[in-house]
């Protein structure tokens, strides 16, 4: 079992000094991994539409101030030595396939093989309209094709792709990732298409429990999701347990009950306490930080 936490790369704690301190202290406390999220531009956040909160709004103040995910992962890799770096999740259509594969391979090499590629197809159409060349309605098909291209580029000597969204012919792609055959791919999402994607293409399923349309916030609900994943994995021609399990808990600032902090165990300074210390020393409120706890079989 592994435990991780979310690094606040948006909102009031979004500064080089603070994210470095949180990452390094999390590593010193023995956490297995940290996560970084992916938005590049955001629309008017007063308009409801966020799927993981009851109100449909983002929790944090000032989420428009945000570091780019992959650049942050590379930066944190240079500031740490052991902790794994989980993309939670990378919106696959945001970046051209070959460029994204190159950046991800580079991060894996520079970090010494510590990258976990959490992926999703995306949900925010206004962000797609401002950023992405492929159609929002085709994001699922685009994501699947890009993932297949990633694997080819990471594993084949002279990769070739000839599809509607990715087209290259026997290009040289070096260096390959350190992890073999490639960095683990954790497929995010709770919907039927996301589960089918995890069953076909994932090394792990990476759901969030608080999606209001697909709640996995109790053990019976989560177990039902696992059972469905296993059936879909068999239908995809894979062994039913070939897709590992993870789970992401999203709680913010004072919404985290005291017992959640206590459950961390004997750690002298769990992330919730660390955020409070940062508030005391910087004057910046910590409500914008997500307390992330994930569990899952180790992926190597």
Protein backbone atom coordinates (compact mmCIF):
# COMPACT_ATOMS: atom_id res chain seq x y z
CA UNK A 1 0.00 0.00 0.00
CA UNK A 2 1.17 3.50 -0.84
CA UNK A 3 0.15 6.90 0.52
CA UNK A 4 0.49 10.25 -1.18
CA UNK A 5 -0.62 13.87 -0.97
CA UNK A 6 -1.50 16.63 -3.40
CA UNK A 7 1.03 19.40 -3.97
CA UNK A 8 -0.71 22.83 -4.11
CA UNK A 9 0.36 24.19 -7.51
CA UNK A 10 -2.55 26.65 -7.62
CA UNK A 11 -4.03 29.22 -5.29
CA UNK A 12 -2.46 31.06 -2.32
CA UNK A 13 0.26 28.48 -1.60
CA UNK A 14 1.43 28.45 -5.21
CA UNK A 15 4.99 29.74 -4.93
CA UNK A 16 8.36 28.11 -5.64
CA UNK A 17 9.42 28.28 -2.01
CA UNK A 18 6.24 26.78 -0.58
CA UNK A 19 5.78 23.95 -3.06
CA UNK A 20 9.46 23.04 -2.63
CA UNK A 21 9.12 22.97 1.14
CA UNK A 22 5.95 20.86 1.07
CA UNK A 23 7.47 18.39 -1.41
CA UNK A 24 10.69 18.02 0.56
CA UNK A 25 8.94 17.67 3.93
CA UNK A 26 6.50 15.15 2.46
CA UNK A 27 9.45 13.15 1.20
CA UNK A 28 11.17 13.38 4.59
CA UNK A 29 8.00 12.12 6.30
CA UNK A 30 8.08 9.00 4.15
CA UNK A 31 5.18 9.56 1.79
CA UNK A 32 5.40 7.42 -1.33
CA UNK A 33 4.27 10.01 -3.84
CA UNK A 34 2.95 13.51 -4.41
CA UNK A 35 0.48 14.57 -7.07
CA UNK A 36 0.22 17.60 -9.35
CA UNK A 37 -2.91 18.68 -11.21
CA UNK A 38 -3.45 19.98 -14.74
CA UNK A 39 -5.24 23.12 -15.84
CA UNK A 40 -3.65 25.66 -18.15
CA UNK A 41 -6.41 28.29 -18.41
CA UNK A 42 -9.71 28.55 -16.54
CA UNK A 43 -13.06 30.18 -17.35
CA UNK A 44 -15.24 32.15 -14.96
CA UNK A 45 -15.17 29.91 -11.90
CA UNK A 46 -18.42 31.33 -10.56
CA UNK A 47 -20.23 29.28 -13.17
CA UNK A 48 -20.96 25.82 -11.72
CA UNK A 49 -19.62 22.83 -13.60
CA UNK A 50 -16.82 21.32 -11.52
CA UNK A 51 -17.76 17.64 -11.08
CA UNK A 52 -16.03 16.97 -7.76
CA UNK A 53 -17.78 19.41 -5.39
CA UNK A 54 -21.35 19.66 -4.19
CA UNK A 55 -21.77 23.24 -5.44
CA UNK A 56 -20.03 22.68 -8.77
CA UNK A 57 -17.45 25.38 -7.97
CA UNK A 58 -13.74 25.10 -7.33
CA UNK A 59 -12.98 25.12 -3.60
CA UNK A 60 -9.93 27.31 -3.45
CA UNK A 61 -9.49 31.03 -3.60
CA UNK A 62 -7.49 32.16 -6.60
CA UNK A 63 -7.21 28.87 -8.53
CA UNK A 64 -6.50 30.85 -11.70
CA UNK A 65 -2.96 31.36 -10.40
CA UNK A 66 -1.51 28.02 -11.39
CA UNK A 67 1.79 26.45 -12.39
CA UNK A 68 1.91 24.29 -15.51
CA UNK A 69 1.81 20.64 -14.49
CA UNK A 70 4.70 19.08 -16.40
CA UNK A 71 7.11 21.95 -15.78
CA UNK A 72 6.28 21.69 -12.08
CA UNK A 73 6.88 17.94 -12.06
CA UNK A 74 10.32 18.50 -13.60
CA UNK A 75 11.08 21.25 -11.09
CA UNK A 76 10.04 19.12 -8.11
CA UNK A 77 12.05 16.19 -9.47
CA UNK A 78 15.13 18.37 -9.17
CA UNK A 79 14.25 19.34 -5.59
CA UNK A 80 13.64 15.78 -4.33
CA UNK A 81 15.38 12.43 -4.58
CA UNK A 82 12.97 9.61 -3.69
CA UNK A 83 9.31 10.57 -3.75
CA UNK A 84 7.34 9.57 -6.84
CA UNK A 85 5.69 12.20 -9.03
CA UNK A 86 2.09 11.42 -9.99
CA UNK A 87 0.26 13.47 -12.63
CA UNK A 88 -3.24 13.77 -11.21
CA UNK A 89 -4.25 13.82 -13.91
CA UNK A 90 -2.69 15.03 -17.13
CA UNK A 91 -5.43 16.02 -19.56
CA UNK A 92 -4.12 14.11 -22.55
CA UNK A 93 -5.57 16.26 -25.39
CA UNK A 94 -4.04 19.42 -23.92
CA UNK A 95 -0.67 18.76 -25.57
CA UNK A 96 0.35 17.29 -28.95
CA UNK A 97 1.05 13.58 -28.63
CA UNK A 98 4.69 13.48 -29.69
CA UNK A 99 5.61 16.56 -27.67
CA UNK A 100 3.85 15.23 -24.57
CA UNK A 101 5.54 11.84 -24.90
CA UNK A 102 8.92 13.57 -25.17
CA UNK A 103 8.37 15.76 -22.11
CA UNK A 104 7.14 12.79 -20.06
CA UNK A 105 10.09 10.62 -21.09
CA UNK A 106 12.47 13.46 -20.21
CA UNK A 107 10.92 13.88 -16.74
CA UNK A 108 11.22 10.15 -16.14
CA UNK A 109 14.90 10.19 -17.12
CA UNK A 110 15.76 13.32 -15.14
CA UNK A 111 13.91 12.07 -12.06
CA UNK A 112 15.60 8.67 -12.12
CA UNK A 113 12.40 6.83 -13.00
CA UNK A 114 9.97 8.42 -10.53
CA UNK A 115 7.17 9.52 -12.87
CA UNK A 116 3.63 8.11 -12.81
CA UNK A 117 1.50 9.25 -15.73
CA UNK A 118 -2.02 9.75 -14.42
CA UNK A 119 -4.27 10.60 -17.36
CA UNK A 120 -7.75 11.78 -18.17
CA UNK A 121 -9.70 12.94 -21.21
CA UNK A 122 -10.74 16.26 -19.65
CA UNK A 123 -14.11 17.79 -18.81
CA UNK A 124 -13.80 21.60 -19.15
CA UNK A 125 -14.95 22.62 -22.63
CA UNK A 126 -14.06 26.30 -22.20
CA UNK A 127 -10.45 25.30 -21.55
CA UNK A 128 -10.43 23.07 -24.63
CA UNK A 129 -11.84 25.89 -26.77
CA UNK A 130 -9.00 28.18 -25.72
CA UNK A 131 -6.23 25.63 -25.90
CA UNK A 132 -6.80 22.41 -27.81
CA UNK A 133 -6.78 21.86 -31.57
CA UNK A 134 -8.79 18.62 -31.45
CA UNK A 135 -12.58 18.74 -30.93
CA UNK A 136 -13.94 18.57 -27.40
CA UNK A 137 -16.51 15.97 -28.48
CA UNK A 138 -13.70 13.70 -29.71
CA UNK A 139 -11.60 13.94 -26.56
CA UNK A 140 -12.12 10.29 -25.60
CA UNK A 141 -10.96 8.96 -28.96
CA UNK A 142 -8.08 11.45 -29.00
CA UNK A 143 -6.99 10.35 -25.53
CA UNK A 144 -6.98 6.67 -26.50
CA UNK A 145 -4.98 7.30 -29.67
CA UNK A 146 -2.47 9.52 -27.89
CA UNK A 147 -1.94 6.87 -25.19
CA UNK A 148 -1.21 4.26 -27.84
CA UNK A 149 1.24 6.68 -29.45
CA UNK A 150 2.96 7.27 -26.10
CA UNK A 151 3.54 3.55 -25.69
CA UNK A 152 4.93 3.19 -29.22
CA UNK A 153 7.26 6.15 -28.79
CA UNK A 154 8.47 4.92 -25.40
CA UNK A 155 9.10 1.31 -26.40
CA UNK A 156 9.76 0.97 -30.15
CA UNK A 157 13.01 1.75 -31.96
CA UNK A 158 11.36 3.18 -35.07
CA UNK A 159 7.77 3.95 -34.08
CA UNK A 160 5.05 4.54 -36.64
CA UNK A 161 1.49 5.83 -36.27
CA UNK A 162 -1.11 6.50 -38.92
CA UNK A 163 -4.35 7.53 -37.30
CA UNK A 164 -6.85 10.38 -37.47
CA UNK A 165 -5.18 12.25 -34.59
CA UNK A 166 -1.54 11.04 -34.61
CA UNK A 167 0.63 10.55 -37.69
CA UNK A 168 4.39 9.89 -37.71
CA UNK A 169 6.63 7.48 -39.60
CA UNK A 170 9.74 5.76 -38.23
CA UNK A 171 10.95 8.72 -36.21
CA UNK A 172 13.88 8.60 -33.81
CA UNK A 173 12.68 9.11 -30.25
CA UNK A 174 15.42 9.13 -27.61
CA UNK A 175 16.01 8.85 -24.75
CA UNK A 176 13.42 6.30 -23.80
CA UNK A 177 12.00 6.43 -20.25
CA UNK A 178 14.03 4.87 -17.45
CA UNK A 179 11.09 2.73 -16.28
CA UNK A 180 10.47 -0.35 -18.39
CA UNK A 181 8.53 -0.85 -20.45
CA UNK A 182 7.40 2.71 -19.68
CA UNK A 183 6.17 4.86 -16.75
CA UNK A 184 2.98 3.44 -15.23
CA UNK A 185 -0.25 4.84 -16.65
CA UNK A 186 -2.97 5.50 -14.07
CA UNK A 187 -6.29 6.09 -15.82
CA UNK A 188 -8.43 8.65 -14.03
CA UNK A 189 -12.19 8.97 -14.13
CA UNK A 190 -15.27 7.28 -12.78
CA UNK A 191 -17.61 7.14 -15.80
CA UNK A 192 -18.22 4.17 -18.07
CA UNK A 193 -15.81 5.42 -20.77
CA UNK A 194 -13.10 6.01 -18.15
CA UNK A 195 -13.51 2.52 -16.74
CA UNK A 196 -13.33 1.02 -20.22
CA UNK A 197 -10.18 3.03 -20.92
CA UNK A 198 -8.61 1.79 -17.69
CA UNK A 199 -9.54 -1.79 -18.58
CA UNK A 200 -8.00 -1.55 -22.06
CA UNK A 201 -5.02 0.73 -21.57
CA UNK A 202 -4.33 1.32 -17.89
CA UNK A 203 -1.77 0.01 -15.45
CA UNK A 204 -4.03 1.28 -12.66
CA UNK A 205 -7.48 2.80 -12.19
CA UNK A 206 -7.29 6.22 -10.53
CA UNK A 207 -10.77 7.44 -9.50
CA UNK A 208 -11.83 10.30 -7.25
CA UNK A 209 -14.49 9.33 -4.74
CA UNK A 210 -16.46 12.58 -4.83
CA UNK A 211 -17.65 12.80 -8.45
CA UNK A 212 -21.31 13.68 -7.92
CA UNK A 213 -22.40 11.82 -11.04
CA UNK A 214 -20.44 8.66 -10.20
CA UNK A 215 -19.98 8.60 -6.44
CA UNK A 216 -17.45 6.17 -4.99
CA UNK A 217 -17.57 7.60 -1.48
CA UNK A 218 -18.42 4.38 0.38
CA UNK A 219 -16.81 0.97 0.40
CA UNK A 220 -19.82 -0.68 -1.30
CA UNK A 221 -19.79 1.91 -4.08
CA UNK A 222 -16.04 1.60 -4.56
CA UNK A 223 -16.30 -2.21 -4.56
CA UNK A 224 -19.03 -2.01 -7.20
CA UNK A 225 -16.69 0.11 -9.32
CA UNK A 226 -13.91 -2.45 -8.87
CA UNK A 227 -16.24 -5.29 -9.86
CA UNK A 228 -17.23 -3.44 -13.01
CA UNK A 229 -13.57 -2.70 -13.81
CA UNK A 230 -12.69 -6.39 -13.46
CA UNK A 231 -15.47 -7.41 -15.85
CA UNK A 232 -14.39 -4.82 -18.41
CA UNK A 233 -10.74 -5.88 -18.07
CA UNK A 234 -11.65 -9.48 -18.90
CA UNK A 235 -13.74 -8.27 -21.86
CA UNK A 236 -10.67 -6.37 -23.07
CA UNK A 237 -8.71 -9.65 -23.12
CA UNK A 238 -6.61 -8.97 -20.04
CA UNK A 239 -6.28 -10.74 -16.71
CA UNK A 240 -8.90 -9.36 -14.30
CA UNK A 241 -6.30 -8.15 -11.79
CA UNK A 242 -3.88 -6.68 -14.33
CA UNK A 243 -5.18 -3.18 -13.56
CA UNK A 244 -4.04 -2.06 -10.11
CA UNK A 245 -6.27 -0.09 -7.74
CA UNK A 246 -5.83 3.42 -6.39
CA UNK A 247 -8.23 5.83 -4.72
CA UNK A 248 -8.13 9.58 -4.38
CA UNK A 249 -9.72 11.46 -1.50
CA UNK A 250 -10.37 15.17 -1.97
CA UNK A 251 -10.79 17.32 1.10
CA UNK A 252 -9.93 20.99 1.53
CA UNK A 253 -8.57 22.99 4.44
CA UNK A 254 -10.96 23.11 7.37
CA UNK A 255 -13.30 20.64 5.66
CA UNK A 256 -10.84 17.95 6.75
CA UNK A 257 -12.01 16.51 10.09
CA UNK A 258 -9.53 16.23 12.95
CA UNK A 259 -9.62 12.44 12.81
CA UNK A 260 -8.35 12.55 9.20
CA UNK A 261 -5.19 14.27 10.36
CA UNK A 262 -4.85 11.86 13.28
CA UNK A 263 -5.20 8.85 10.99
CA UNK A 264 -1.87 9.60 9.39
CA UNK A 265 -0.36 7.72 12.32
CA UNK A 266 2.92 8.44 14.02
CA UNK A 267 4.13 10.99 11.46
CA UNK A 268 5.11 14.05 13.49
CA UNK A 269 3.89 16.56 10.90
CA UNK A 270 1.27 15.34 8.44
CA UNK A 271 0.51 17.58 5.45
CA UNK A 272 -2.52 19.21 7.13
CA UNK A 273 -0.27 20.37 10.00
CA UNK A 274 2.39 21.42 7.53
CA UNK A 275 -0.12 23.63 5.70
CA UNK A 276 -1.11 25.24 9.00
CA UNK A 277 2.57 25.92 9.76
CA UNK A 278 2.97 27.50 6.33
CA UNK A 279 -0.04 29.71 7.01
CA UNK A 280 1.47 30.83 10.30
CA UNK A 281 4.81 31.65 8.66
CA UNK A 282 3.52 33.17 5.40
CA UNK A 283 0.11 34.55 6.26
CA UNK A 284 -1.42 32.67 3.35
CA UNK A 285 -4.53 30.65 3.98
CA UNK A 286 -4.39 26.94 3.35
CA UNK A 287 -8.02 26.34 2.32
CA UNK A 288 -6.90 26.09 -1.28
CA UNK A 289 -4.87 22.96 -0.62
CA UNK A 290 -6.23 19.52 -1.32
CA UNK A 291 -5.36 16.84 1.17
CA UNK A 292 -4.77 13.82 -1.00
CA UNK A 293 -4.61 10.32 0.34
CA UNK A 294 -4.28 7.54 -2.17
CA UNK A 295 -3.81 3.84 -1.72
CA UNK A 296 -2.89 1.21 -4.20
CA UNK A 297 -0.68 -1.70 -5.13
CA UNK A 298 2.85 -0.60 -5.86
CA UNK A 299 3.46 -0.14 -9.59
CA UNK A 300 7.02 -0.82 -10.74
